[in-house]
Amino acid sequence: MNTIVSSPLQRLPVRVLLIGLGRMGQLHLKCLSGLTSVDLAGVVDTDAGRAGAANGLRFSSDPADFAGEFDAAIIAVPADNHAEVALPLLARGVNCLVEKPLALSSGEIGKMIAAARAGGAVLAVGQVERFNPQIENCTARLGRQAGDIRVERLSQGSGAPGEADVISDLMIHDLDWIIRHEGSTDCAIDLLETRGPVDRLEYVRCRLDFGPRRYDLSAGHGEDCRKRTVQISAADGVAEDYDLLDFMCGKRLDPLTRQAQAFVDACHGGETELATASDALAVYHLIERIRALGDPVLEPAERFA
C-alpha cells in the first residue's frame, strides 16, 4: 500500500463540514484541525450539548444551515442514520466520507451509490485500518504464501448506539483488509463461537478459509482488555505478531489523519487507498454470511489460548 502524505501541489483547502460530534466525530475534528489542506466550515450535531466540543467552530443541528459553505462532509453519526444524512448531500455533489459501516442494509448502500453517481460526488468509507502501518506490514509479510492468520479485536466498551452488532462495529475492520488482500470474498466460513442475542452479538469468533490462507477472527465487546493483534504463521515457518495499537511505526501521521488527507486528495480527483462504497458492499455481504450462521446462536466453545 502507498503512504498517504500531503500533496506538494498548490491547492485550495477543501471546505469540510463535520457531521456528528460523538466519540469518533471528536477524533475526526482533532485530525481535521491539524491539516492545512482542510478549511473546517463547521460542525453539525443534533445534541446541542456538544456545542462546547466544537473548538469554537460554528455549530448547528442542521447541515442546511451551511448551504453553499462546504464542498465535502465527514459523516460520523450513528450508522442507522448514515444514509439519511448522506443521501441529500451526495445528490447535490457533496463529497462524503462516511464512517463504517457505510449503512446497515444493502438497499441503503445501493441508494447511496446511486446518489453519488447522480451527483458526481466522491463516496468513501471510514475504514481507517487501511492506513495503519501495521496492517500494511501484515499484508506485505503474508503476500501470497500460505499461512494461518489469527486476529483478535477486543473492546472494553459496548457497541455504539445505532450499530448492528460486534461484527459491523469491530470485525468489519479486519474483513475489509482481508477482502482487499485476497481480492475476493470467495471463502468457506465456519462460525466457531458467539455470545449475545442474534440481533446484537457481543462476541464472535469465526474462520475464513481462502484455501492457502486461513483467517481465525475474534471480535468482542465488553472484554477485560482492549486488544488489536494479528499473528501470522506463514508457510516459510516464521511466525510474527503485530500489535495494531502500535500504529505510528515511524510514520509522520496517525492513521485517521492519513485517511483524512486521502479524502482531501480524492476530493481533488487523486487516486487514494480509501475504501469505496463497492468495497463496503462486499464487506456487507460477507458480514451477512457470517451472521446467517449464527441463527440459532451457537453454544459457546472454549476460547483459544
C-alpha atoms as a PDB file:
ATOM      1  CA  MET A   1       0.000   0.000   0.000  1.00  0.00           C
ATOM      2  CA  ASN A   2       1.093   3.563  -0.562  1.00  0.00           C
ATOM      3  CA  THR A   3       1.607   6.029   2.255  1.00  0.00           C
ATOM      4  CA  ILE A   4      -0.769   8.989   2.058  1.00  0.00           C
ATOM      5  CA  VAL A   5       1.031  12.305   2.504  1.00  0.00           C
ATOM      6  CA  SER A   6       0.053  15.901   1.957  1.00  0.00           C
ATOM      7  CA  SER A   7       0.305  16.921  -1.674  1.00  0.00           C
ATOM      8  CA  PRO A   8       3.007  19.464  -2.527  1.00  0.00           C
ATOM      9  CA  LEU A   9       0.759  20.964  -5.217  1.00  0.00           C
ATOM     10  CA  GLN A  10      -0.744  24.385  -4.575  1.00  0.00           C
ATOM     11  CA  ARG A  11      -4.399  23.626  -3.973  1.00  0.00           C
ATOM     12  CA  LEU A  12      -7.126  25.487  -2.221  1.00  0.00           C
ATOM     13  CA  PRO A  13      -8.115  23.841   1.068  1.00  0.00           C
ATOM     14  CA  VAL A  14     -11.207  21.658   0.852  1.00  0.00           C
ATOM     15  CA  ARG A  15     -14.125  23.120   2.771  1.00  0.00           C
ATOM     16  CA  VAL A  16     -15.252  20.295   5.049  1.00  0.00           C
ATOM     17  CA  LEU A  17     -18.327  20.064   7.250  1.00  0.00           C
ATOM     18  CA  LEU A  18     -18.115  17.602  10.141  1.00  0.00           C
ATOM     19  CA  ILE A  19     -21.466  15.962  10.861  1.00  0.00           C
ATOM     20  CA  GLY A  20     -21.608  14.124  14.182  1.00  0.00           C
ATOM     21  CA  LEU A  21     -19.591  15.063  17.256  1.00  0.00           C
ATOM     22  CA  GLY A  22     -19.665  11.885  19.289  1.00  0.00           C
ATOM     23  CA  ARG A  23     -16.516   9.921  20.121  1.00  0.00           C
ATOM     24  CA  MET A  24     -15.475   9.349  16.502  1.00  0.00           C
ATOM     25  CA  GLY A  25     -16.570  12.845  15.471  1.00  0.00           C
ATOM     26  CA  GLN A  26     -14.305  14.379  18.077  1.00  0.00           C
ATOM     27  CA  LEU A  27     -11.389  12.270  16.836  1.00  0.00           C
ATOM     28  CA  HIS A  28     -12.087  13.436  13.282  1.00  0.00           C
ATOM     29  CA  LEU A  29     -12.255  17.040  14.482  1.00  0.00           C
ATOM     30  CA  LYS A  30      -8.820  16.768  16.084  1.00  0.00           C
ATOM     31  CA  CYS A  31      -7.305  15.350  12.886  1.00  0.00           C
ATOM     32  CA  LEU A  32      -9.003  17.811  10.549  1.00  0.00           C
ATOM     33  CA  SER A  33      -7.936  20.749  12.703  1.00  0.00           C
ATOM     34  CA  GLY A  34      -4.309  19.845  12.120  1.00  0.00           C
ATOM     35  CA  LEU A  35      -4.483  19.699   8.316  1.00  0.00           C
ATOM     36  CA  THR A  36      -3.678  22.839   6.334  1.00  0.00           C
ATOM     37  CA  SER A  37      -5.383  21.174   3.352  1.00  0.00           C
ATOM     38  CA  VAL A  38      -8.741  21.460   5.145  1.00  0.00           C
ATOM     39  CA  ASP A  39     -10.890  24.503   5.836  1.00  0.00           C
ATOM     40  CA  LEU A  40     -13.405  23.442   8.501  1.00  0.00           C
ATOM     41  CA  ALA A  41     -16.760  25.015   7.681  1.00  0.00           C
ATOM     42  CA  GLY A  42     -18.335  23.978  10.957  1.00  0.00           C
ATOM     43  CA  VAL A  43     -19.809  21.161  12.992  1.00  0.00           C
ATOM     44  CA  VAL A  44     -23.286  19.647  12.964  1.00  0.00           C
ATOM     45  CA  ASP A  45     -24.846  17.575  15.738  1.00  0.00           C
ATOM     46  CA  THR A  46     -28.427  17.160  16.901  1.00  0.00           C
ATOM     47  CA  ASP A  47     -27.242  17.298  20.529  1.00  0.00           C
ATOM     48  CA  ALA A  48     -26.873  20.987  21.388  1.00  0.00           C
ATOM     49  CA  GLY A  49     -24.927  19.973  24.487  1.00  0.00           C
ATOM     50  CA  ARG A  50     -21.974  19.069  22.281  1.00  0.00           C
ATOM     51  CA  ALA A  51     -21.504  22.629  21.023  1.00  0.00           C
ATOM     52  CA  GLY A  52     -18.758  23.159  23.580  1.00  0.00           C
ATOM     53  CA  ALA A  53     -16.709  20.369  22.000  1.00  0.00           C
ATOM     54  CA  ALA A  54     -16.685  22.131  18.611  1.00  0.00           C
ATOM     55  CA  ASN A  55     -13.451  24.008  19.424  1.00  0.00           C
ATOM     56  CA  GLY A  56     -15.064  27.383  18.749  1.00  0.00           C
ATOM     57  CA  LEU A  57     -16.265  26.402  15.288  1.00  0.00           C
ATOM     58  CA  ARG A  58     -19.706  27.376  14.111  1.00  0.00           C
ATOM     59  CA  PHE A  59     -22.183  24.788  15.384  1.00  0.00           C
ATOM     60  CA  SER A  60     -25.658  23.821  14.210  1.00  0.00           C
ATOM     61  CA  SER A  61     -28.109  20.940  14.348  1.00  0.00           C
ATOM     62  CA  ASP A  62     -28.815  21.101  10.594  1.00  0.00           C
ATOM     63  CA  PRO A  63     -26.382  20.812   7.637  1.00  0.00           C
ATOM     64  CA  ALA A  64     -28.732  23.100   5.668  1.00  0.00           C
ATOM     65  CA  ASP A  65     -27.503  25.995   7.808  1.00  0.00           C
ATOM     66  CA  PHE A  66     -24.148  25.687   5.998  1.00  0.00           C
ATOM     67  CA  ALA A  67     -25.589  25.582   2.468  1.00  0.00           C
ATOM     68  CA  GLY A  68     -23.016  26.751  -0.086  1.00  0.00           C
ATOM     69  CA  GLU A  69     -20.255  26.890   2.535  1.00  0.00           C
ATOM     70  CA  PHE A  70     -18.790  23.382   2.176  1.00  0.00           C
ATOM     71  CA  ASP A  71     -17.693  21.051  -0.608  1.00  0.00           C
ATOM     72  CA  ALA A  72     -17.204  17.885   1.422  1.00  0.00           C
ATOM     73  CA  ALA A  73     -18.525  16.269   4.576  1.00  0.00           C
ATOM     74  CA  ILE A  74     -17.296  13.721   7.068  1.00  0.00           C
ATOM     75  CA  ILE A  75     -20.284  11.878   8.496  1.00  0.00           C
ATOM     76  CA  ALA A  76     -19.805  10.350  11.946  1.00  0.00           C
ATOM     77  CA  VAL A  77     -23.392   9.964  13.139  1.00  0.00           C
ATOM     78  CA  PRO A  78     -24.787   6.571  14.306  1.00  0.00           C
ATOM     79  CA  ALA A  79     -24.770   4.042  11.481  1.00  0.00           C
ATOM     80  CA  ASP A  80     -28.547   3.759  11.259  1.00  0.00           C
ATOM     81  CA  ASN A  81     -28.599   7.451  10.234  1.00  0.00           C
ATOM     82  CA  HIS A  82     -25.783   7.317   7.673  1.00  0.00           C
ATOM     83  CA  ALA A  83     -27.978   7.031   4.586  1.00  0.00           C
ATOM     84  CA  GLU A  84     -30.471   9.634   5.797  1.00  0.00           C
ATOM     85  CA  VAL A  85     -27.692  12.191   6.290  1.00  0.00           C
ATOM     86  CA  ALA A  86     -25.574  11.323   3.240  1.00  0.00           C
ATOM     87  CA  LEU A  87     -28.185  10.907   0.506  1.00  0.00           C
ATOM     88  CA  PRO A  88     -29.207  14.567   0.076  1.00  0.00           C
ATOM     89  CA  LEU A  89     -25.564  15.693   0.230  1.00  0.00           C
ATOM     90  CA  LEU A  90     -24.380  13.166  -2.357  1.00  0.00           C
ATOM     91  CA  ALA A  91     -27.241  14.094  -4.674  1.00  0.00           C
ATOM     92  CA  ARG A  92     -26.030  17.712  -4.577  1.00  0.00           C
ATOM     93  CA  GLY A  93     -22.479  16.692  -5.445  1.00  0.00           C
ATOM     94  CA  VAL A  94     -21.028  16.982  -1.930  1.00  0.00           C
ATOM     95  CA  ASN A  95     -18.112  14.585  -1.454  1.00  0.00           C
ATOM     96  CA  CYS A  96     -18.698  12.382   1.611  1.00  0.00           C
ATOM     97  CA  LEU A  97     -16.507  10.267   3.845  1.00  0.00           C
ATOM     98  CA  VAL A  98     -18.917   8.159   5.896  1.00  0.00           C
ATOM     99  CA  GLU A  99     -17.818   6.258   8.993  1.00  0.00           C
ATOM    100  CA  LYS A 100     -18.045   2.490   8.863  1.00  0.00           C
ATOM    101  CA  PRO A 101     -20.317   0.666   8.421  1.00  0.00           C
ATOM    102  CA  LEU A 102     -21.484   2.637   5.409  1.00  0.00           C
ATOM    103  CA  ALA A 103     -25.060   1.509   6.089  1.00  0.00           C
ATOM    104  CA  LEU A 104     -26.927  -1.331   7.767  1.00  0.00           C
ATOM    105  CA  SER A 105     -28.595  -2.734   4.652  1.00  0.00           C
ATOM    106  CA  SER A 106     -27.577  -3.420   1.069  1.00  0.00           C
ATOM    107  CA  GLY A 107     -30.557  -1.359  -0.089  1.00  0.00           C
ATOM    108  CA  GLU A 108     -29.274   1.741   1.678  1.00  0.00           C
ATOM    109  CA  ILE A 109     -25.775   1.189   0.308  1.00  0.00           C
ATOM    110  CA  GLY A 110     -27.243   0.902  -3.190  1.00  0.00           C
ATOM    111  CA  LYS A 111     -29.159   4.165  -2.782  1.00  0.00           C
ATOM    112  CA  MET A 112     -26.001   5.923  -1.622  1.00  0.00           C
ATOM    113  CA  ILE A 113     -24.035   4.612  -4.593  1.00  0.00           C
ATOM    114  CA  ALA A 114     -26.770   5.806  -6.969  1.00  0.00           C
ATOM    115  CA  ALA A 115     -26.915   9.241  -5.322  1.00  0.00           C
ATOM    116  CA  ALA A 116     -23.131   9.651  -5.550  1.00  0.00           C
ATOM    117  CA  ARG A 117     -23.167   8.741  -9.234  1.00  0.00           C
ATOM    118  CA  ALA A 118     -26.054  11.095  -9.972  1.00  0.00           C
ATOM    119  CA  GLY A 119     -24.390  13.964  -8.124  1.00  0.00           C
ATOM    120  CA  GLY A 120     -20.856  13.237  -9.337  1.00  0.00           C
ATOM    121  CA  ALA A 121     -19.680  13.020  -5.729  1.00  0.00           C
ATOM    122  CA  VAL A 122     -16.924  11.033  -4.035  1.00  0.00           C
ATOM    123  CA  LEU A 123     -18.349   8.454  -1.623  1.00  0.00           C
ATOM    124  CA  ALA A 124     -15.752   6.925   0.676  1.00  0.00           C
ATOM    125  CA  VAL A 125     -15.970   4.771   3.800  1.00  0.00           C
ATOM    126  CA  GLY A 126     -14.038   5.301   7.019  1.00  0.00           C
ATOM    127  CA  GLN A 127     -12.085   2.027   7.061  1.00  0.00           C
ATOM    128  CA  VAL A 128      -9.183   3.591   8.928  1.00  0.00           C
ATOM    129  CA  GLU A 129      -7.178   0.365   9.331  1.00  0.00           C
ATOM    130  CA  ARG A 130      -6.256   0.700   5.651  1.00  0.00           C
ATOM    131  CA  PHE A 131      -3.947   3.473   6.847  1.00  0.00           C
ATOM    132  CA  ASN A 132      -2.485   1.569   9.799  1.00  0.00           C
ATOM    133  CA  PRO A 133       1.175   0.787   9.038  1.00  0.00           C
ATOM    134  CA  GLN A 134       0.885  -2.447  10.997  1.00  0.00           C
ATOM    135  CA  ILE A 135      -1.785  -3.714   8.599  1.00  0.00           C
ATOM    136  CA  GLU A 136       0.493  -2.698   5.745  1.00  0.00           C
ATOM    137  CA  ASN A 137       3.286  -4.689   7.419  1.00  0.00           C
ATOM    138  CA  CYS A 138       0.995  -7.709   7.891  1.00  0.00           C
ATOM    139  CA  THR A 139      -0.129  -7.878   4.286  1.00  0.00           C
ATOM    140  CA  ALA A 140       3.391  -7.315   2.987  1.00  0.00           C
ATOM    141  CA  ARG A 141       4.713 -10.093   5.240  1.00  0.00           C
ATOM    142  CA  LEU A 142       1.978 -12.520   4.222  1.00  0.00           C
ATOM    143  CA  GLY A 143       1.988 -11.826   0.491  1.00  0.00           C
ATOM    144  CA  ARG A 144       0.523 -14.731  -1.473  1.00  0.00           C
ATOM    145  CA  GLN A 145       2.108 -17.516   0.541  1.00  0.00           C
ATOM    146  CA  ALA A 146       0.035 -19.995   2.507  1.00  0.00           C
ATOM    147  CA  GLY A 147      -0.446 -19.482   6.196  1.00  0.00           C
ATOM    148  CA  ASP A 148      -2.686 -19.271   9.236  1.00  0.00           C
ATOM    149  CA  ILE A 149      -3.593 -15.806  10.483  1.00  0.00           C
ATOM    150  CA  ARG A 150      -5.189 -15.164  13.850  1.00  0.00           C
ATOM    151  CA  VAL A 151      -6.785 -11.775  14.518  1.00  0.00           C
ATOM    152  CA  GLU A 152      -8.158 -10.546  17.845  1.00  0.00           C
ATOM    153  CA  ARG A 153     -10.041  -7.267  18.097  1.00  0.00           C
ATOM    154  CA  LEU A 154     -11.436  -6.779  21.592  1.00  0.00           C
ATOM    155  CA  SER A 155     -13.002  -3.719  23.192  1.00  0.00           C
ATOM    156  CA  GLN A 156     -13.816  -2.970  26.818  1.00  0.00           C
ATOM    157  CA  GLY A 157     -16.757  -0.784  25.829  1.00  0.00           C
ATOM    158  CA  SER A 158     -20.121  -1.801  24.476  1.00  0.00           C
ATOM    159  CA  GLY A 159     -21.267  -1.317  20.911  1.00  0.00           C
ATOM    160  CA  ALA A 160     -22.120   2.206  19.848  1.00  0.00           C
ATOM    161  CA  PRO A 161     -25.811   3.135  19.546  1.00  0.00           C
ATOM    162  CA  GLY A 162     -27.047   2.586  16.022  1.00  0.00           C
ATOM    163  CA  GLU A 163     -24.543  -0.164  15.261  1.00  0.00           C
ATOM    164  CA  ALA A 164     -25.896  -3.634  14.473  1.00  0.00           C
ATOM    165  CA  ASP A 165     -23.501  -5.801  16.480  1.00  0.00           C
ATOM    166  CA  VAL A 166     -19.860  -6.546  17.155  1.00  0.00           C
ATOM    167  CA  ILE A 167     -19.348  -7.736  13.557  1.00  0.00           C
ATOM    168  CA  SER A 168     -20.306  -4.416  11.971  1.00  0.00           C
ATOM    169  CA  ASP A 169     -18.615  -2.394  14.724  1.00  0.00           C
ATOM    170  CA  LEU A 170     -15.295  -4.221  15.210  1.00  0.00           C
ATOM    171  CA  MET A 171     -14.775  -7.243  12.954  1.00  0.00           C
ATOM    172  CA  ILE A 172     -15.659  -5.110   9.928  1.00  0.00           C
ATOM    173  CA  HIS A 173     -12.161  -3.557  10.087  1.00  0.00           C
ATOM    174  CA  ASP A 174     -10.498  -6.928   9.542  1.00  0.00           C
ATOM    175  CA  LEU A 175     -12.995  -8.148   6.968  1.00  0.00           C
ATOM    176  CA  ASP A 176     -12.159  -5.074   4.881  1.00  0.00           C
ATOM    177  CA  TRP A 177      -8.397  -5.544   4.820  1.00  0.00           C
ATOM    178  CA  ILE A 178      -8.686  -9.316   4.374  1.00  0.00           C
ATOM    179  CA  ILE A 179     -11.021  -8.990   1.375  1.00  0.00           C
ATOM    180  CA  ARG A 180      -8.708  -6.364  -0.049  1.00  0.00           C
ATOM    181  CA  HIS A 181      -5.660  -8.593   0.398  1.00  0.00           C
ATOM    182  CA  GLU A 182      -7.372 -11.674  -1.020  1.00  0.00           C
ATOM    183  CA  GLY A 183      -9.069  -9.761  -3.833  1.00  0.00           C
ATOM    184  CA  SER A 184     -12.202 -11.814  -3.271  1.00  0.00           C
ATOM    185  CA  THR A 185     -14.969 -12.783  -0.845  1.00  0.00           C
ATOM    186  CA  ASP A 186     -14.892 -16.369  -2.115  1.00  0.00           C
ATOM    187  CA  CYS A 187     -14.161 -18.294   1.068  1.00  0.00           C
ATOM    188  CA  ALA A 188     -15.563 -21.020   3.291  1.00  0.00           C
ATOM    189  CA  ILE A 189     -16.825 -19.733   6.646  1.00  0.00           C
ATOM    190  CA  ASP A 190     -17.023 -21.559   9.976  1.00  0.00           C
ATOM    191  CA  LEU A 191     -18.701 -19.853  12.904  1.00  0.00           C
ATOM    192  CA  LEU A 192     -16.844 -21.100  15.971  1.00  0.00           C
ATOM    193  CA  GLU A 193     -18.319 -19.139  18.863  1.00  0.00           C
ATOM    194  CA  THR A 194     -20.835 -16.403  19.607  1.00  0.00           C
ATOM    195  CA  ARG A 195     -22.092 -14.562  22.650  1.00  0.00           C
ATOM    196  CA  GLY A 196     -25.179 -12.417  22.898  1.00  0.00           C
ATOM    197  CA  PRO A 197     -28.546 -12.311  21.109  1.00  0.00           C
ATOM    198  CA  VAL A 198     -28.688 -12.901  17.367  1.00  0.00           C
ATOM    199  CA  ASP A 199     -29.663  -9.287  16.689  1.00  0.00           C
ATOM    200  CA  ARG A 200     -26.961  -7.840  18.973  1.00  0.00           C
ATOM    201  CA  LEU A 201     -23.949 -10.142  19.073  1.00  0.00           C
ATOM    202  CA  GLU A 202     -21.341  -9.183  21.663  1.00  0.00           C
ATOM    203  CA  TYR A 203     -18.627 -11.700  20.780  1.00  0.00           C
ATOM    204  CA  VAL A 204     -17.946 -13.583  17.560  1.00  0.00           C
ATOM    205  CA  ARG A 205     -15.194 -15.955  16.555  1.00  0.00           C
ATOM    206  CA  CYS A 206     -15.147 -17.308  13.019  1.00  0.00           C
ATOM    207  CA  ARG A 207     -12.752 -18.780  10.487  1.00  0.00           C
ATOM    208  CA  LEU A 208     -12.462 -17.680   6.866  1.00  0.00           C
ATOM    209  CA  ASP A 209     -10.790 -20.253   4.605  1.00  0.00           C
ATOM    210  CA  PHE A 210      -9.458 -18.856   1.332  1.00  0.00           C
ATOM    211  CA  GLY A 211      -7.554 -22.063   0.518  1.00  0.00           C
ATOM    212  CA  PRO A 212      -3.878 -21.266   1.013  1.00  0.00           C
ATOM    213  CA  ARG A 213      -4.668 -18.748   3.754  1.00  0.00           C
ATOM    214  CA  ARG A 214      -6.982 -19.216   6.747  1.00  0.00           C
ATOM    215  CA  TYR A 215      -8.040 -16.345   8.996  1.00  0.00           C
ATOM    216  CA  ASP A 216      -9.209 -17.017  12.561  1.00  0.00           C
ATOM    217  CA  LEU A 217     -11.050 -13.851  13.639  1.00  0.00           C
ATOM    218  CA  SER A 218     -12.310 -12.828  17.071  1.00  0.00           C
ATOM    219  CA  ALA A 219     -14.189  -9.651  17.933  1.00  0.00           C
ATOM    220  CA  GLY A 220     -15.701  -8.807  21.298  1.00  0.00           C
ATOM    221  CA  HIS A 221     -17.430  -6.014  23.195  1.00  0.00           C
ATOM    222  CA  GLY A 222     -17.269  -5.741  26.981  1.00  0.00           C
ATOM    223  CA  GLU A 223     -13.963  -7.596  27.261  1.00  0.00           C
ATOM    224  CA  ASP A 224     -11.434  -7.342  30.101  1.00  0.00           C
ATOM    225  CA  CYS A 225      -8.909  -5.502  27.954  1.00  0.00           C
ATOM    226  CA  ARG A 226      -8.560  -3.606  24.703  1.00  0.00           C
ATOM    227  CA  LYS A 227      -6.685  -5.683  22.160  1.00  0.00           C
ATOM    228  CA  ARG A 228      -5.929  -5.390  18.450  1.00  0.00           C
ATOM    229  CA  THR A 229      -3.474  -8.058  17.293  1.00  0.00           C
ATOM    230  CA  VAL A 230      -2.575 -10.099  14.228  1.00  0.00           C
ATOM    231  CA  GLN A 231      -0.491 -13.262  14.428  1.00  0.00           C
ATOM    232  CA  ILE A 232       0.854 -14.751  11.212  1.00  0.00           C
ATOM    233  CA  SER A 233       2.145 -18.314  10.948  1.00  0.00           C
ATOM    234  CA  ALA A 234       3.325 -18.427   7.356  1.00  0.00           C
ATOM    235  CA  ALA A 235       4.368 -21.358   5.204  1.00  0.00           C
ATOM    236  CA  ASP A 236       8.016 -20.321   5.462  1.00  0.00           C
ATOM    237  CA  GLY A 237       7.920 -21.378   9.114  1.00  0.00           C
ATOM    238  CA  VAL A 238       8.365 -17.902  10.551  1.00  0.00           C
ATOM    239  CA  ALA A 239       5.666 -16.662  12.960  1.00  0.00           C
ATOM    240  CA  GLU A 240       5.246 -12.951  13.609  1.00  0.00           C
ATOM    241  CA  ASP A 241       2.983 -10.881  15.851  1.00  0.00           C
ATOM    242  CA  TYR A 242       1.673  -7.393  15.105  1.00  0.00           C
ATOM    243  CA  ASP A 243       0.119  -5.004  17.610  1.00  0.00           C
ATOM    244  CA  LEU A 244      -2.329  -2.844  15.665  1.00  0.00           C
ATOM    245  CA  LEU A 245      -2.440  -0.331  18.518  1.00  0.00           C
ATOM    246  CA  ASP A 246       1.216   0.474  17.801  1.00  0.00           C
ATOM    247  CA  PHE A 247       0.072   2.335  14.713  1.00  0.00           C
ATOM    248  CA  MET A 248       2.694   5.033  14.297  1.00  0.00           C
ATOM    249  CA  CYS A 249       5.668   2.771  13.431  1.00  0.00           C
ATOM    250  CA  GLY A 250       7.763   5.734  12.395  1.00  0.00           C
ATOM    251  CA  LYS A 251       5.016   7.329  10.320  1.00  0.00           C
ATOM    252  CA  ARG A 252       4.593  11.087  10.487  1.00  0.00           C
ATOM    253  CA  LEU A 253       0.806  10.962  10.575  1.00  0.00           C
ATOM    254  CA  ASP A 254      -1.570   8.726  12.515  1.00  0.00           C
ATOM    255  CA  PRO A 255      -3.985   6.503  10.513  1.00  0.00           C
ATOM    256  CA  LEU A 256      -7.036   8.746  10.966  1.00  0.00           C
ATOM    257  CA  THR A 257      -5.128  11.810   9.779  1.00  0.00           C
ATOM    258  CA  ARG A 258      -3.707   9.835   6.845  1.00  0.00           C
ATOM    259  CA  GLN A 259      -7.256   8.848   5.942  1.00  0.00           C
ATOM    260  CA  ALA A 260      -8.442  12.466   6.190  1.00  0.00           C
ATOM    261  CA  GLN A 261      -5.659  13.576   3.861  1.00  0.00           C
ATOM    262  CA  ALA A 262      -6.544  10.756   1.454  1.00  0.00           C
ATOM    263  CA  PHE A 263     -10.120  12.071   1.427  1.00  0.00           C
ATOM    264  CA  VAL A 264      -8.829  15.557   0.610  1.00  0.00           C
ATOM    265  CA  ASP A 265      -6.751  14.081  -2.221  1.00  0.00           C
ATOM    266  CA  ALA A 266      -9.825  12.228  -3.510  1.00  0.00           C
ATOM    267  CA  CYS A 267     -11.811  15.464  -3.456  1.00  0.00           C
ATOM    268  CA  HIS A 268      -9.119  16.914  -5.736  1.00  0.00           C
ATOM    269  CA  GLY A 269      -9.502  13.942  -8.084  1.00  0.00           C
ATOM    270  CA  GLY A 270      -6.487  11.976  -6.894  1.00  0.00           C
ATOM    271  CA  GLU A 271      -6.238   8.197  -6.502  1.00  0.00           C
ATOM    272  CA  THR A 272      -6.144   7.045  -2.895  1.00  0.00           C
ATOM    273  CA  GLU A 273      -6.371   3.954  -0.718  1.00  0.00           C
ATOM    274  CA  LEU A 274      -9.809   4.942   0.616  1.00  0.00           C
ATOM    275  CA  ALA A 275     -12.472   2.262   0.909  1.00  0.00           C
ATOM    276  CA  THR A 276     -15.217   2.743  -1.670  1.00  0.00           C
ATOM    277  CA  ALA A 277     -18.940   2.053  -1.466  1.00  0.00           C
ATOM    278  CA  SER A 278     -18.369  -1.039  -3.619  1.00  0.00           C
ATOM    279  CA  ASP A 279     -15.830  -2.231  -1.041  1.00  0.00           C
ATOM    280  CA  ALA A 280     -18.433  -1.610   1.674  1.00  0.00           C
ATOM    281  CA  LEU A 281     -20.997  -3.668  -0.229  1.00  0.00           C
ATOM    282  CA  ALA A 282     -18.585  -6.613  -0.491  1.00  0.00           C
ATOM    283  CA  VAL A 283     -17.904  -6.428   3.252  1.00  0.00           C
ATOM    284  CA  TYR A 284     -21.638  -6.177   3.967  1.00  0.00           C
ATOM    285  CA  HIS A 285     -22.378  -9.374   2.057  1.00  0.00           C
ATOM    286  CA  LEU A 286     -19.617 -11.226   3.924  1.00  0.00           C
ATOM    287  CA  ILE A 287     -20.979  -9.952   7.249  1.00  0.00           C
ATOM    288  CA  GLU A 288     -24.424 -11.256   6.311  1.00  0.00           C
ATOM    289  CA  ARG A 289     -22.957 -14.682   5.527  1.00  0.00           C
ATOM    290  CA  ILE A 290     -21.290 -14.803   8.952  1.00  0.00           C
ATOM    291  CA  ARG A 291     -24.433 -13.610  10.712  1.00  0.00           C
ATOM    292  CA  ALA A 292     -26.606 -16.177   8.953  1.00  0.00           C
ATOM    293  CA  LEU A 293     -24.544 -18.974  10.503  1.00  0.00           C
ATOM    294  CA  GLY A 294     -25.421 -17.737  13.987  1.00  0.00           C
ATOM    295  CA  ASP A 295     -29.144 -18.467  13.865  1.00  0.00           C
ATOM    296  CA  PRO A 296     -29.651 -20.114  16.277  1.00  0.00           C
ATOM    297  CA  VAL A 297     -26.755 -18.828  18.384  1.00  0.00           C
ATOM    298  CA  LEU A 298     -24.060 -21.432  18.936  1.00  0.00           C
ATOM    299  CA  GLU A 299     -23.267 -22.732  22.362  1.00  0.00           C
ATOM    300  CA  PRO A 300     -20.040 -21.008  23.491  1.00  0.00           C
ATOM    301  CA  ALA A 301     -16.977 -23.046  22.682  1.00  0.00           C
ATOM    302  CA  GLU A 302     -13.760 -22.950  24.623  1.00  0.00           C
ATOM    303  CA  ARG A 303     -11.821 -19.866  23.522  1.00  0.00           C
ATOM    304  CA  PHE A 304      -8.396 -20.463  22.118  1.00  0.00           C
ATOM    305  CA  ALA A 305      -5.436 -19.597  24.305  1.00  0.00           C
END
